[in-house]
Amino acid sequence: MNQSITCALDLITQIENSGIEINAPVDVEWIAREFLNIKVETDVSLDTKKIVGEIIFEGAGNPVIRVNPVKNSYLPRRRFTIAHEIGHFCLHSSKTGEGFIDSMKTMSRTESYWDVKESEANAFAAQLLMPKHLILNEGDAILDEYIYQNNGAMMKVDMFIEKMARIFNVSSKAMTYRLENLGVIS
């Protein structure tokens, strides 16, 4: 990382400024491995400890994201877990070397509301997986195509959310929250 990252947009901007285009679905594993030099591992032993994911530092401070394959068997969940751990790295760990261990509770939007660092990592993950500029571009394209193919009829919100969730490879619930936060739907 060349400069301080205070939000997912900073990270996306740095990646794009290096000449790499970001498209949906955002490849968070590539970002971790290739851009941030964070090793990503799957570790089934995390399941016995009820850990969904974690970021730790090995050896000479080398960051490692470890993902529980049992709790992350659903690909959108795995992608969110990795994005969440990238959030911890960028916002909280890159300078301090502090690790984070995340359970279903700490990864929950509602449960983690009062834990500032977990709430920040969740927001970072949502912004990284669903960048505003891509949401707006993809959303416009979906709506334009639907209106054209359906003689000016408007698309139902649920259908729009599902199409967007598939494009971004996230859960419908995560997409709903993101679209509401951006004011795209209410």
Protein backbone atom coordinates (compact mmCIF):
# COMPACT_ATOMS: atom_id res chain seq x y z
CA MET A 1 0.00 0.00 0.00
CA ASN A 2 1.33 3.35 -0.98
CA GLN A 3 -0.82 5.56 1.21
CA SER A 4 -3.22 5.38 4.12
CA ILE A 5 -6.49 3.60 3.48
CA THR A 6 -9.37 4.99 5.51
CA CYS A 7 -12.19 3.42 3.49
CA ALA A 8 -12.81 0.92 0.73
CA LEU A 9 -12.94 3.70 -1.84
CA ASP A 10 -9.31 4.57 -1.00
CA LEU A 11 -8.31 0.96 -1.72
CA ILE A 12 -10.30 0.81 -4.96
CA THR A 13 -8.81 4.14 -6.06
CA GLN A 14 -5.27 2.89 -5.37
CA ILE A 15 -5.93 -0.28 -7.37
CA GLU A 16 -7.42 1.63 -10.30
CA ASN A 17 -4.59 4.20 -10.17
CA SER A 18 -2.15 1.32 -10.57
CA GLY A 19 -3.80 0.55 -13.92
CA ILE A 20 -6.07 -2.30 -12.84
CA GLU A 21 -9.75 -2.02 -13.61
CA ILE A 22 -12.24 -3.07 -10.93
CA ASN A 23 -15.36 -4.83 -12.23
CA ALA A 24 -18.27 -6.68 -10.65
CA PRO A 25 -17.94 -9.05 -8.95
CA VAL A 26 -14.95 -7.51 -7.18
CA ASP A 27 -12.22 -10.14 -6.79
CA VAL A 28 -11.45 -9.74 -3.09
CA GLU A 29 -9.12 -12.74 -2.99
CA TRP A 30 -6.99 -11.20 -5.73
CA ILE A 31 -6.99 -7.86 -3.87
CA ALA A 32 -5.84 -9.58 -0.68
CA ARG A 33 -3.16 -11.74 -2.30
CA GLU A 34 -1.82 -9.65 -5.15
CA PHE A 35 -2.44 -6.04 -4.18
CA LEU A 36 -2.14 -6.15 -0.37
CA ASN A 37 0.22 -9.15 -0.13
CA ILE A 38 -2.03 -10.94 2.37
CA LYS A 39 -2.01 -14.72 2.28
CA VAL A 40 -5.53 -16.24 2.19
CA GLU A 41 -5.96 -19.71 3.67
CA THR A 42 -8.83 -22.06 4.35
CA ASP A 43 -8.65 -23.64 7.80
CA VAL A 44 -11.28 -26.18 8.88
CA SER A 45 -9.90 -26.20 12.47
CA LEU A 46 -11.46 -22.74 12.94
CA ASP A 47 -14.87 -24.42 13.04
CA THR A 48 -14.17 -26.11 16.38
CA LYS A 49 -13.41 -22.65 17.81
CA LYS A 50 -16.57 -21.14 16.25
CA ILE A 51 -14.42 -18.73 14.23
CA VAL A 52 -15.78 -17.55 10.86
CA GLY A 53 -12.59 -15.80 9.80
CA GLU A 54 -9.57 -14.01 11.14
CA ILE A 55 -6.60 -11.92 10.21
CA ILE A 56 -3.40 -12.81 11.99
CA PHE A 57 0.26 -11.95 11.57
CA GLU A 58 2.84 -14.71 11.16
CA GLY A 59 6.61 -14.68 11.29
CA ALA A 60 7.96 -11.25 10.47
CA GLY A 61 4.53 -9.65 10.63
CA ASN A 62 3.19 -11.23 7.43
CA PRO A 63 -0.61 -10.89 7.31
CA VAL A 64 -2.75 -14.00 6.82
CA ILE A 65 -6.51 -14.19 6.39
CA ARG A 66 -7.82 -17.55 7.54
CA VAL A 67 -11.32 -18.58 6.50
CA ASN A 68 -13.49 -21.30 8.04
CA PRO A 69 -14.77 -23.35 5.06
CA VAL A 70 -17.71 -24.73 7.05
CA LYS A 71 -19.10 -21.30 7.95
CA ASN A 72 -18.16 -19.90 4.53
CA SER A 73 -19.39 -22.65 2.19
CA TYR A 74 -21.79 -20.16 0.56
CA LEU A 75 -19.56 -18.17 -1.82
CA PRO A 76 -21.11 -14.75 -1.05
CA ARG A 77 -20.47 -15.41 2.67
CA ARG A 78 -16.83 -16.35 1.95
CA ARG A 79 -16.36 -13.20 -0.13
CA PHE A 80 -17.85 -11.06 2.65
CA THR A 81 -15.62 -12.69 5.27
CA ILE A 82 -12.49 -11.99 3.20
CA ALA A 83 -13.61 -8.41 2.52
CA HIS A 84 -14.31 -7.95 6.25
CA GLU A 85 -10.81 -9.16 7.15
CA ILE A 86 -9.32 -6.87 4.47
CA GLY A 87 -11.24 -4.09 6.20
CA HIS A 88 -9.62 -4.95 9.53
CA PHE A 89 -6.22 -4.99 7.84
CA CYS A 90 -6.62 -1.64 6.10
CA LEU A 91 -8.39 0.20 8.91
CA HIS A 92 -6.96 -1.35 12.06
CA SER A 93 -4.06 -3.78 11.58
CA SER A 94 -1.67 -2.70 8.86
CA LYS A 95 0.27 -0.36 11.13
CA THR A 96 -0.29 -2.03 14.52
CA GLY A 97 -0.04 -5.72 13.61
CA GLU A 98 -3.16 -6.34 15.70
CA GLY A 99 -5.04 -9.47 14.71
CA PHE A 100 -8.81 -9.93 14.70
CA ILE A 101 -10.81 -13.08 15.29
CA ASP A 102 -14.38 -12.99 14.00
CA SER A 103 -17.36 -15.12 15.00
CA MET A 104 -20.87 -15.02 13.56
CA LYS A 105 -21.66 -12.39 16.23
CA THR A 106 -18.84 -10.02 15.30
CA MET A 107 -19.63 -10.43 11.59
CA SER A 108 -23.34 -9.69 12.12
CA ARG A 109 -24.48 -6.24 11.07
CA THR A 110 -26.88 -5.93 14.00
CA GLU A 111 -24.77 -7.68 16.64
CA SER A 112 -21.61 -5.71 15.85
CA TYR A 113 -23.32 -2.32 15.79
CA TRP A 114 -21.83 -1.23 19.13
CA ASP A 115 -18.32 -2.53 18.39
CA VAL A 116 -16.75 0.28 16.38
CA LYS A 117 -13.99 -1.79 14.77
CA GLU A 118 -16.35 -4.59 13.73
CA SER A 119 -18.92 -2.13 12.45
CA GLU A 120 -16.20 -0.36 10.44
CA ALA A 121 -14.95 -3.66 8.98
CA ASN A 122 -18.52 -4.60 7.98
CA ALA A 123 -19.07 -1.23 6.29
CA PHE A 124 -15.68 -1.54 4.55
CA ALA A 125 -16.59 -5.03 3.29
CA ALA A 126 -19.90 -3.80 1.86
CA GLN A 127 -18.20 -0.88 0.12
CA LEU A 128 -15.43 -3.08 -1.26
CA LEU A 129 -17.77 -5.77 -2.58
CA MET A 130 -20.32 -3.27 -3.89
CA PRO A 131 -18.55 -0.02 -4.84
CA LYS A 132 -20.92 2.87 -5.40
CA HIS A 133 -19.76 3.60 -8.95
CA LEU A 134 -20.25 -0.04 -9.99
CA ILE A 135 -23.65 -0.24 -8.25
CA LEU A 136 -24.84 2.83 -10.15
CA ASN A 137 -23.43 1.69 -13.51
CA GLU A 138 -24.72 -1.88 -13.26
CA GLY A 139 -28.05 -0.73 -11.85
CA ASP A 140 -28.60 1.72 -14.70
CA ALA A 141 -27.75 -0.96 -17.27
CA ILE A 142 -30.16 -3.48 -15.70
CA LEU A 143 -33.00 -0.98 -15.52
CA ASP A 144 -32.43 0.36 -19.04
CA GLU A 145 -32.44 -3.17 -20.49
CA TYR A 146 -35.53 -4.19 -18.54
CA ILE A 147 -37.48 -1.07 -19.54
CA TYR A 148 -36.48 -1.55 -23.18
CA GLN A 149 -37.46 -5.24 -23.21
CA ASN A 150 -40.72 -4.64 -21.35
CA ASN A 151 -42.14 -1.66 -23.26
CA GLY A 152 -41.39 0.92 -20.59
CA ALA A 153 -42.60 -1.14 -17.64
CA MET A 154 -40.75 -0.63 -14.37
CA MET A 155 -38.85 -3.49 -12.73
CA LYS A 156 -40.00 -4.73 -9.32
CA VAL A 157 -37.58 -3.92 -6.51
CA ASP A 158 -37.16 -7.58 -5.47
CA MET A 159 -36.22 -8.56 -9.01
CA PHE A 160 -33.74 -5.67 -9.20
CA ILE A 161 -32.12 -6.69 -5.89
CA GLU A 162 -31.79 -10.32 -7.03
CA LYS A 163 -30.19 -9.36 -10.36
CA MET A 164 -27.76 -7.01 -8.64
CA ALA A 165 -26.88 -9.61 -5.98
CA ARG A 166 -26.05 -12.14 -8.73
CA ILE A 167 -23.87 -9.65 -10.63
CA PHE A 168 -21.92 -8.70 -7.49
CA ASN A 169 -21.90 -12.27 -6.09
CA VAL A 170 -23.27 -11.13 -2.71
CA SER A 171 -26.33 -12.15 -0.73
CA SER A 172 -29.66 -10.48 -1.46
CA LYS A 173 -29.68 -9.20 2.12
CA ALA A 174 -26.27 -7.55 1.71
CA MET A 175 -27.35 -6.01 -1.60
CA THR A 176 -30.57 -4.71 -0.03
CA TYR A 177 -28.62 -2.99 2.77
CA ARG A 178 -26.16 -1.48 0.31
CA LEU A 179 -28.85 -0.20 -2.05
CA GLU A 180 -30.73 1.32 0.90
CA ASN A 181 -27.55 2.96 2.24
CA LEU A 182 -26.87 4.47 -1.18
CA GLY A 183 -30.47 5.70 -1.48
CA VAL A 184 -31.08 3.63 -4.61
CA ILE A 185 -34.07 1.95 -2.94
CA SER A 186 -36.03 2.86 0.17
